[in-house]
């Protein structure tokens, strides 16, 4: 599901520094619910390894799981609709 490039980066010192920067910029406040942020979430992967501050958001674990779940859900719906349209 995840590329080797993504996994190598997510477990790197560079990502750790980048995610801590994101948390500090948000004062460790979850940008979704206002709780205590402990994780950085990618809003896009266009600049993986070279993210802008605007490519990331600080989130709590619960919100990160929710965002990820819904993102995967809608991605699967889009794939299903594309297959359905292609079958016609």
PDB file of N, CA and C in Angstrom:
ATOM      1  N   UNK A   1       0.819  -1.191   0.000  1.00  0.00           N
ATOM      2  CA  UNK A   1       0.000   0.000   0.000  1.00  0.00           C
ATOM      3  C   UNK A   1       0.871   1.267   0.000  1.00  0.00           C
ATOM      4  N   UNK A   2       1.934   1.264   0.798  1.00  0.00           N
ATOM      5  CA  UNK A   2       2.830   2.413   0.851  1.00  0.00           C
ATOM      6  C   UNK A   2       4.083   2.120   0.041  1.00  0.00           C
ATOM      7  N   UNK A   3       4.574   3.122  -0.643  1.00  0.00           N
ATOM      8  CA  UNK A   3       5.799   2.942  -1.420  1.00  0.00           C
ATOM      9  C   UNK A   3       7.003   2.863  -0.490  1.00  0.00           C
ATOM     10  N   UNK A   4       8.044   2.255  -0.990  1.00  0.00           N
ATOM     11  CA  UNK A   4       9.294   2.153  -0.221  1.00  0.00           C
ATOM     12  C   UNK A   4       9.833   3.558   0.096  1.00  0.00           C
ATOM     13  N   UNK A   5       9.722   4.464  -0.881  1.00  0.00           N
ATOM     14  CA  UNK A   5      10.191   5.842  -0.699  1.00  0.00           C
ATOM     15  C   UNK A   5       9.458   6.508   0.469  1.00  0.00           C
ATOM     16  N   UNK A   6       8.153   6.329   0.508  1.00  0.00           N
ATOM     17  CA  UNK A   6       7.345   6.908   1.580  1.00  0.00           C
ATOM     18  C   UNK A   6       7.758   6.341   2.935  1.00  0.00           C
ATOM     19  N   UNK A   7       7.851   5.023   3.034  1.00  0.00           N
ATOM     20  CA  UNK A   7       8.198   4.386   4.302  1.00  0.00           C
ATOM     21  C   UNK A   7       9.593   4.777   4.772  1.00  0.00           C
ATOM     22  N   UNK A   8      10.552   4.804   3.855  1.00  0.00           N
ATOM     23  CA  UNK A   8      11.909   5.230   4.221  1.00  0.00           C
ATOM     24  C   UNK A   8      11.884   6.642   4.791  1.00  0.00           C
ATOM     25  N   UNK A   9      11.122   7.519   4.174  1.00  0.00           N
ATOM     26  CA  UNK A   9      11.048   8.903   4.634  1.00  0.00           C
ATOM     27  C   UNK A   9      10.358   9.019   5.990  1.00  0.00           C
ATOM     28  N   UNK A  10       9.216   8.344   6.142  1.00  0.00           N
ATOM     29  CA  UNK A  10       8.430   8.447   7.376  1.00  0.00           C
ATOM     30  C   UNK A  10       9.225   7.958   8.588  1.00  0.00           C
ATOM     31  N   UNK A  11      10.155   7.040   8.369  1.00  0.00           N
ATOM     32  CA  UNK A  11      10.975   6.537   9.477  1.00  0.00           C
ATOM     33  C   UNK A  11      12.328   7.226   9.565  1.00  0.00           C
ATOM     34  N   UNK A  12      12.499   8.339   8.866  1.00  0.00           N
ATOM     35  CA  UNK A  12      13.787   9.036   8.840  1.00  0.00           C
ATOM     36  C   UNK A  12      13.873  10.144   9.888  1.00  0.00           C
ATOM     37  N   UNK A  13      15.090  10.550  10.168  1.00  0.00           N
ATOM     38  CA  UNK A  13      15.339  11.683  11.055  1.00  0.00           C
ATOM     39  C   UNK A  13      14.769  12.959  10.432  1.00  0.00           C
ATOM     40  N   UNK A  14      14.862  13.071   9.107  1.00  0.00           N
ATOM     41  CA  UNK A  14      14.340  14.252   8.416  1.00  0.00           C
ATOM     42  C   UNK A  14      12.842  14.420   8.664  1.00  0.00           C
ATOM     43  N   UNK A  15      12.088  13.313   8.561  1.00  0.00           N
ATOM     44  CA  UNK A  15      10.645  13.401   8.804  1.00  0.00           C
ATOM     45  C   UNK A  15      10.363  13.757  10.263  1.00  0.00           C
ATOM     46  N   UNK A  16      11.122  13.174  11.165  1.00  0.00           N
ATOM     47  CA  UNK A  16      10.919  13.473  12.580  1.00  0.00           C
ATOM     48  C   UNK A  16      11.093  14.973  12.833  1.00  0.00           C
ATOM     49  N   UNK A  17      12.131  15.541  12.251  1.00  0.00           N
ATOM     50  CA  UNK A  17      12.358  16.992  12.398  1.00  0.00           C
ATOM     51  C   UNK A  17      11.216  17.788  11.775  1.00  0.00           C
ATOM     52  N   UNK A  18      10.780  17.369  10.602  1.00  0.00           N
ATOM     53  CA  UNK A  18       9.722  18.088   9.874  1.00  0.00           C
ATOM     54  C   UNK A  18       8.405  18.017  10.633  1.00  0.00           C
ATOM     55  N   UNK A  19       8.103  16.838  11.163  1.00  0.00           N
ATOM     56  CA  UNK A  19       6.838  16.697  11.888  1.00  0.00           C
ATOM     57  C   UNK A  19       6.861  17.488  13.195  1.00  0.00           C
ATOM     58  N   UNK A  20       7.990  17.516  13.877  1.00  0.00           N
ATOM     59  CA  UNK A  20       8.113  18.324  15.099  1.00  0.00           C
ATOM     60  C   UNK A  20       7.933  19.794  14.759  1.00  0.00           C
ATOM     61  N   UNK A  21       8.484  20.245  13.631  1.00  0.00           N
ATOM     62  CA  UNK A  21       8.294  21.641  13.207  1.00  0.00           C
ATOM     63  C   UNK A  21       6.805  21.942  13.027  1.00  0.00           C
ATOM     64  N   UNK A  22       6.093  21.027  12.390  1.00  0.00           N
ATOM     65  CA  UNK A  22       4.656  21.202  12.171  1.00  0.00           C
ATOM     66  C   UNK A  22       3.920  21.322  13.502  1.00  0.00           C
ATOM     67  N   UNK A  23       4.259  20.455  14.440  1.00  0.00           N
ATOM     68  CA  UNK A  23       3.624  20.502  15.761  1.00  0.00           C
ATOM     69  C   UNK A  23       3.927  21.815  16.476  1.00  0.00           C
ATOM     70  N   UNK A  24       5.175  22.258  16.411  1.00  0.00           N
ATOM     71  CA  UNK A  24       5.557  23.513  17.068  1.00  0.00           C
ATOM     72  C   UNK A  24       4.840  24.712  16.447  1.00  0.00           C
ATOM     73  N   UNK A  25       4.745  24.740  15.114  1.00  0.00           N
ATOM     74  CA  UNK A  25       4.057  25.853  14.446  1.00  0.00           C
ATOM     75  C   UNK A  25       2.594  25.947  14.871  1.00  0.00           C
ATOM     76  N   UNK A  26       2.006  24.801  15.191  1.00  0.00           N
ATOM     77  CA  UNK A  26       0.597  24.765  15.623  1.00  0.00           C
ATOM     78  C   UNK A  26       0.475  24.829  17.141  1.00  0.00           C
ATOM     79  N   UNK A  27       1.596  25.054  17.818  1.00  0.00           N
ATOM     80  CA  UNK A  27       1.582  25.073  19.293  1.00  0.00           C
ATOM     81  C   UNK A  27       1.003  23.789  19.878  1.00  0.00           C
ATOM     82  N   UNK A  28       1.236  22.681  19.184  1.00  0.00           N
ATOM     83  CA  UNK A  28       0.769  21.358  19.618  1.00  0.00           C
ATOM     84  C   UNK A  28      -0.748  21.307  19.788  1.00  0.00           C
ATOM     85  N   UNK A  29      -1.458  22.112  18.996  1.00  0.00           N
ATOM     86  CA  UNK A  29      -2.926  22.109  19.013  1.00  0.00           C
ATOM     87  C   UNK A  29      -3.410  21.418  17.748  1.00  0.00           C
ATOM     88  N   UNK A  30      -4.283  20.432  17.902  1.00  0.00           N
ATOM     89  CA  UNK A  30      -4.841  19.720  16.754  1.00  0.00           C
ATOM     90  C   UNK A  30      -5.623  20.707  15.898  1.00  0.00           C
ATOM     91  N   UNK A  31      -5.294  20.752  14.618  1.00  0.00           N
ATOM     92  CA  UNK A  31      -5.942  21.694  13.719  1.00  0.00           C
ATOM     93  C   UNK A  31      -7.322  21.232  13.276  1.00  0.00           C
ATOM     94  N   UNK A  32      -7.749  20.077  13.762  1.00  0.00           N
ATOM     95  CA  UNK A  32      -9.084  19.584  13.446  1.00  0.00           C
ATOM     96  C   UNK A  32     -10.036  19.745  14.639  1.00  0.00           C
ATOM     97  N   UNK A  33      -9.596  19.296  15.825  1.00  0.00           N
ATOM     98  CA  UNK A  33     -10.515  19.315  16.975  1.00  0.00           C
ATOM     99  C   UNK A  33     -10.100  20.261  18.092  1.00  0.00           C
ATOM    100  N   UNK A  34      -8.886  20.783  18.043  1.00  0.00           N
ATOM    101  CA  UNK A  34      -8.425  21.684  19.088  1.00  0.00           C
ATOM    102  C   UNK A  34      -7.769  20.989  20.267  1.00  0.00           C
ATOM    103  N   UNK A  35      -7.716  19.646  20.226  1.00  0.00           N
ATOM    104  CA  UNK A  35      -7.061  18.884  21.294  1.00  0.00           C
ATOM    105  C   UNK A  35      -5.539  18.976  21.183  1.00  0.00           C
ATOM    106  N   UNK A  36      -4.848  18.123  21.894  1.00  0.00           N
ATOM    107  CA  UNK A  36      -3.381  18.109  21.888  1.00  0.00           C
ATOM    108  C   UNK A  36      -2.876  17.358  20.664  1.00  0.00           C
ATOM    109  N   UNK A  37      -2.175  18.056  19.773  1.00  0.00           N
ATOM    110  CA  UNK A  37      -1.616  17.446  18.558  1.00  0.00           C
ATOM    111  C   UNK A  37      -0.346  16.681  18.898  1.00  0.00           C
ATOM    112  N   UNK A  38      -0.250  15.479  18.366  1.00  0.00           N
ATOM    113  CA  UNK A  38       0.923  14.635  18.582  1.00  0.00           C
ATOM    114  C   UNK A  38       1.513  14.116  17.275  1.00  0.00           C
ATOM    115  N   UNK A  39       0.832  14.385  16.153  1.00  0.00           N
ATOM    116  CA  UNK A  39       1.256  13.856  14.861  1.00  0.00           C
ATOM    117  C   UNK A  39       1.105  14.914  13.774  1.00  0.00           C
ATOM    118  N   UNK A  40       1.880  14.748  12.708  1.00  0.00           N
ATOM    119  CA  UNK A  40       1.745  15.610  11.530  1.00  0.00           C
ATOM    120  C   UNK A  40       1.097  14.793  10.419  1.00  0.00           C
ATOM    121  N   UNK A  41       0.138  15.388   9.752  1.00  0.00           N
ATOM    122  CA  UNK A  41      -0.592  14.718   8.668  1.00  0.00           C
ATOM    123  C   UNK A  41      -0.285  15.408   7.343  1.00  0.00           C
ATOM    124  N   UNK A  42       0.034  14.614   6.332  1.00  0.00           N
ATOM    125  CA  UNK A  42       0.252  15.152   4.983  1.00  0.00           C
ATOM    126  C   UNK A  42      -1.094  15.504   4.351  1.00  0.00           C
ATOM    127  N   UNK A  43      -1.242  16.725   3.910  1.00  0.00           N
ATOM    128  CA  UNK A  43      -2.424  17.123   3.150  1.00  0.00           C
ATOM    129  C   UNK A  43      -2.273  16.718   1.694  1.00  0.00           C
ATOM    130  N   UNK A  44      -1.026  16.594   1.259  1.00  0.00           N
ATOM    131  CA  UNK A  44      -0.716  16.080  -0.079  1.00  0.00           C
ATOM    132  C   UNK A  44       0.702  15.514  -0.036  1.00  0.00           C
ATOM    133  N   UNK A  45       1.050  14.808  -1.092  1.00  0.00           N
ATOM    134  CA  UNK A  45       2.366  14.168  -1.156  1.00  0.00           C
ATOM    135  C   UNK A  45       3.189  14.688  -2.328  1.00  0.00           C
ATOM    136  N   UNK A  46       2.810  15.832  -2.853  1.00  0.00           N
ATOM    137  CA  UNK A  46       3.481  16.401  -4.025  1.00  0.00           C
ATOM    138  C   UNK A  46       4.958  16.679  -3.775  1.00  0.00           C
ATOM    139  N   UNK A  47       5.295  17.065  -2.549  1.00  0.00           N
ATOM    140  CA  UNK A  47       6.681  17.437  -2.234  1.00  0.00           C
ATOM    141  C   UNK A  47       7.247  16.557  -1.122  1.00  0.00           C
ATOM    142  N   UNK A  48       6.933  15.273  -1.151  1.00  0.00           N
ATOM    143  CA  UNK A  48       7.383  14.340  -0.121  1.00  0.00           C
ATOM    144  C   UNK A  48       8.893  14.484   0.093  1.00  0.00           C
ATOM    145  N   UNK A  49       9.266  14.792   1.318  1.00  0.00           N
ATOM    146  CA  UNK A  49      10.664  15.008   1.653  1.00  0.00           C
ATOM    147  C   UNK A  49      11.091  16.455   1.542  1.00  0.00           C
ATOM    148  N   UNK A  50      10.232  17.274   0.923  1.00  0.00           N
ATOM    149  CA  UNK A  50      10.519  18.709   0.743  1.00  0.00           C
ATOM    150  C   UNK A  50       9.246  19.515   1.000  1.00  0.00           C
ATOM    151  N   UNK A  51       8.448  19.075   1.968  1.00  0.00           N
ATOM    152  CA  UNK A  51       7.147  19.690   2.226  1.00  0.00           C
ATOM    153  C   UNK A  51       7.254  21.164   2.603  1.00  0.00           C
ATOM    154  N   UNK A  52       6.250  21.892   2.173  1.00  0.00           N
ATOM    155  CA  UNK A  52       6.038  23.259   2.655  1.00  0.00           C
ATOM    156  C   UNK A  52       5.240  23.153   3.953  1.00  0.00           C
ATOM    157  N   UNK A  53       5.260  24.193   4.755  1.00  0.00           N
ATOM    158  CA  UNK A  53       4.450  24.177   5.971  1.00  0.00           C
ATOM    159  C   UNK A  53       2.983  23.912   5.637  1.00  0.00           C
ATOM    160  N   UNK A  54       2.525  24.437   4.526  1.00  0.00           N
ATOM    161  CA  UNK A  54       1.119  24.290   4.129  1.00  0.00           C
ATOM    162  C   UNK A  54       0.767  22.887   3.627  1.00  0.00           C
ATOM    163  N   UNK A  55       1.754  22.020   3.455  1.00  0.00           N
ATOM    164  CA  UNK A  55       1.499  20.642   3.022  1.00  0.00           C
ATOM    165  C   UNK A  55       1.150  19.722   4.188  1.00  0.00           C
ATOM    166  N   UNK A  56       1.304  20.233   5.412  1.00  0.00           N
ATOM    167  CA  UNK A  56       1.124  19.407   6.606  1.00  0.00           C
ATOM    168  C   UNK A  56       0.191  20.081   7.591  1.00  0.00           C
ATOM    169  N   UNK A  57      -0.439  19.264   8.429  1.00  0.00           N
ATOM    170  CA  UNK A  57      -1.240  19.815   9.517  1.00  0.00           C
ATOM    171  C   UNK A  57      -0.980  19.022  10.783  1.00  0.00           C
ATOM    172  N   UNK A  58      -1.012  19.702  11.908  1.00  0.00           N
ATOM    173  CA  UNK A  58      -0.833  19.066  13.203  1.00  0.00           C
ATOM    174  C   UNK A  58      -2.178  18.495  13.647  1.00  0.00           C
ATOM    175  N   UNK A  59      -2.151  17.234  14.095  1.00  0.00           N
ATOM    176  CA  UNK A  59      -3.386  16.572  14.506  1.00  0.00           C
ATOM    177  C   UNK A  59      -3.142  15.662  15.716  1.00  0.00           C
ATOM    178  N   UNK A  60      -4.208  15.371  16.430  1.00  0.00           N
ATOM    179  CA  UNK A  60      -4.137  14.379  17.499  1.00  0.00           C
ATOM    180  C   UNK A  60      -4.253  12.992  16.843  1.00  0.00           C
ATOM    181  N   UNK A  61      -3.960  11.966  17.591  1.00  0.00           N
ATOM    182  CA  UNK A  61      -3.989  10.600  17.048  1.00  0.00           C
ATOM    183  C   UNK A  61      -5.383  10.230  16.535  1.00  0.00           C
ATOM    184  N   UNK A  62      -6.407  10.575  17.298  1.00  0.00           N
ATOM    185  CA  UNK A  62      -7.773  10.239  16.919  1.00  0.00           C
ATOM    186  C   UNK A  62      -8.181  10.910  15.606  1.00  0.00           C
ATOM    187  N   UNK A  63      -7.892  12.183  15.473  1.00  0.00           N
ATOM    188  CA  UNK A  63      -8.236  12.900  14.237  1.00  0.00           C
ATOM    189  C   UNK A  63      -7.412  12.366  13.060  1.00  0.00           C
ATOM    190  N   UNK A  64      -6.150  12.033  13.304  1.00  0.00           N
ATOM    191  CA  UNK A  64      -5.318  11.497  12.231  1.00  0.00           C
ATOM    192  C   UNK A  64      -5.905  10.184  11.715  1.00  0.00           C
ATOM    193  N   UNK A  65      -6.320   9.315  12.631  1.00  0.00           N
ATOM    194  CA  UNK A  65      -6.945   8.050  12.230  1.00  0.00           C
ATOM    195  C   UNK A  65      -8.231   8.288  11.453  1.00  0.00           C
ATOM    196  N   UNK A  66      -9.027   9.245  11.899  1.00  0.00           N
ATOM    197  CA  UNK A  66     -10.287   9.567  11.226  1.00  0.00           C
ATOM    198  C   UNK A  66     -10.037  10.124   9.816  1.00  0.00           C
ATOM    199  N   UNK A  67      -9.120  11.063   9.706  1.00  0.00           N
ATOM    200  CA  UNK A  67      -8.785  11.651   8.399  1.00  0.00           C
ATOM    201  C   UNK A  67      -8.297  10.570   7.445  1.00  0.00           C
ATOM    202  N   UNK A  68      -7.432   9.701   7.944  1.00  0.00           N
ATOM    203  CA  UNK A  68      -6.876   8.637   7.111  1.00  0.00           C
ATOM    204  C   UNK A  68      -7.968   7.665   6.667  1.00  0.00           C
ATOM    205  N   UNK A  69      -8.852   7.286   7.591  1.00  0.00           N
ATOM    206  CA  UNK A  69      -9.932   6.357   7.259  1.00  0.00           C
ATOM    207  C   UNK A  69     -10.829   6.933   6.165  1.00  0.00           C
ATOM    208  N   UNK A  70     -11.265   8.186   6.351  1.00  0.00           N
ATOM    209  CA  UNK A  70     -12.155   8.805   5.356  1.00  0.00           C
ATOM    210  C   UNK A  70     -11.453   8.998   4.015  1.00  0.00           C
ATOM    211  N   UNK A  71     -10.186   9.334   4.055  1.00  0.00           N
ATOM    212  CA  UNK A  71      -9.427   9.498   2.820  1.00  0.00           C
ATOM    213  C   UNK A  71      -9.382   8.184   2.042  1.00  0.00           C
ATOM    214  N   UNK A  72      -9.100   7.099   2.735  1.00  0.00           N
ATOM    215  CA  UNK A  72      -9.065   5.779   2.084  1.00  0.00           C
ATOM    216  C   UNK A  72     -10.447   5.362   1.600  1.00  0.00           C
ATOM    217  N   UNK A  73     -11.478   5.672   2.386  1.00  0.00           N
ATOM    218  CA  UNK A  73     -12.846   5.350   1.993  1.00  0.00           C
ATOM    219  C   UNK A  73     -13.208   6.035   0.668  1.00  0.00           C
ATOM    220  N   UNK A  74     -12.987   7.351   0.594  1.00  0.00           N
ATOM    221  CA  UNK A  74     -13.351   8.090  -0.620  1.00  0.00           C
ATOM    222  C   UNK A  74     -12.486   7.686  -1.804  1.00  0.00           C
ATOM    223  N   UNK A  75     -11.218   7.342  -1.547  1.00  0.00           N
ATOM    224  CA  UNK A  75     -10.357   6.858  -2.632  1.00  0.00           C
ATOM    225  C   UNK A  75     -10.922   5.554  -3.205  1.00  0.00           C
ATOM    226  N   UNK A  76     -11.393   4.652  -2.344  1.00  0.00           N
ATOM    227  CA  UNK A  76     -11.968   3.390  -2.821  1.00  0.00           C
ATOM    228  C   UNK A  76     -13.271   3.630  -3.576  1.00  0.00           C
ATOM    229  N   UNK A  77     -14.073   4.584  -3.134  1.00  0.00           N
ATOM    230  CA  UNK A  77     -15.317   4.914  -3.841  1.00  0.00           C
ATOM    231  C   UNK A  77     -15.001   5.456  -5.242  1.00  0.00           C
ATOM    232  N   UNK A  78     -14.007   6.357  -5.331  1.00  0.00           N
ATOM    233  CA  UNK A  78     -13.613   6.905  -6.637  1.00  0.00           C
ATOM    234  C   UNK A  78     -13.129   5.803  -7.580  1.00  0.00           C
ATOM    235  N   UNK A  79     -12.347   4.857  -7.059  1.00  0.00           N
ATOM    236  CA  UNK A  79     -11.866   3.742  -7.888  1.00  0.00           C
ATOM    237  C   UNK A  79     -13.040   2.886  -8.365  1.00  0.00           C
ATOM    238  N   UNK A  80     -13.979   2.620  -7.465  1.00  0.00           N
ATOM    239  CA  UNK A  80     -15.136   1.813  -7.816  1.00  0.00           C
ATOM    240  C   UNK A  80     -15.965   2.525  -8.894  1.00  0.00           C
ATOM    241  N   UNK A  81     -16.181   3.823  -8.744  1.00  0.00           N
ATOM    242  CA  UNK A  81     -16.952   4.576  -9.737  1.00  0.00           C
ATOM    243  C   UNK A  81     -16.239   4.605 -11.095  1.00  0.00           C
ATOM    244  N   UNK A  82     -14.917   4.720 -11.062  1.00  0.00           N
ATOM    245  CA  UNK A  82     -14.155   4.707 -12.309  1.00  0.00           C
ATOM    246  C   UNK A  82     -14.284   3.358 -13.015  1.00  0.00           C
ATOM    247  N   UNK A  83     -14.234   2.277 -12.261  1.00  0.00           N
ATOM    248  CA  UNK A  83     -14.417   0.930 -12.847  1.00  0.00           C
ATOM    249  C   UNK A  83     -15.821   0.792 -13.433  1.00  0.00           C
ATOM    250  N   UNK A  84     -16.799   1.289 -12.697  1.00  0.00           N
ATOM    251  CA  UNK A  84     -18.196   1.214 -13.143  1.00  0.00           C
ATOM    252  C   UNK A  84     -18.366   1.999 -14.437  1.00  0.00           C
ATOM    253  N   UNK A  85     -17.825   3.181 -14.520  1.00  0.00           N
ATOM    254  CA  UNK A  85     -17.932   4.014 -15.716  1.00  0.00           C
ATOM    255  C   UNK A  85     -17.203   3.366 -16.894  1.00  0.00           C
ATOM    256  N   UNK A  86     -16.075   2.738 -16.618  1.00  0.00           N
ATOM    257  CA  UNK A  86     -15.280   2.100 -17.666  1.00  0.00           C
ATOM    258  C   UNK A  86     -15.980   0.850 -18.213  1.00  0.00           C
ATOM    259  N   UNK A  87     -16.762   0.179 -17.362  1.00  0.00           N
ATOM    260  CA  UNK A  87     -17.449  -1.055 -17.754  1.00  0.00           C
ATOM    261  C   UNK A  87     -18.621  -0.788 -18.695  1.00  0.00           C
ATOM    262  N   UNK A  88     -19.082   0.432 -18.745  1.00  0.00           N
ATOM    263  CA  UNK A  88     -20.262   0.752 -19.568  1.00  0.00           C
ATOM    264  C   UNK A  88     -19.914   0.940 -20.987  1.00  0.00           C
TER     265      UNK A  88
END
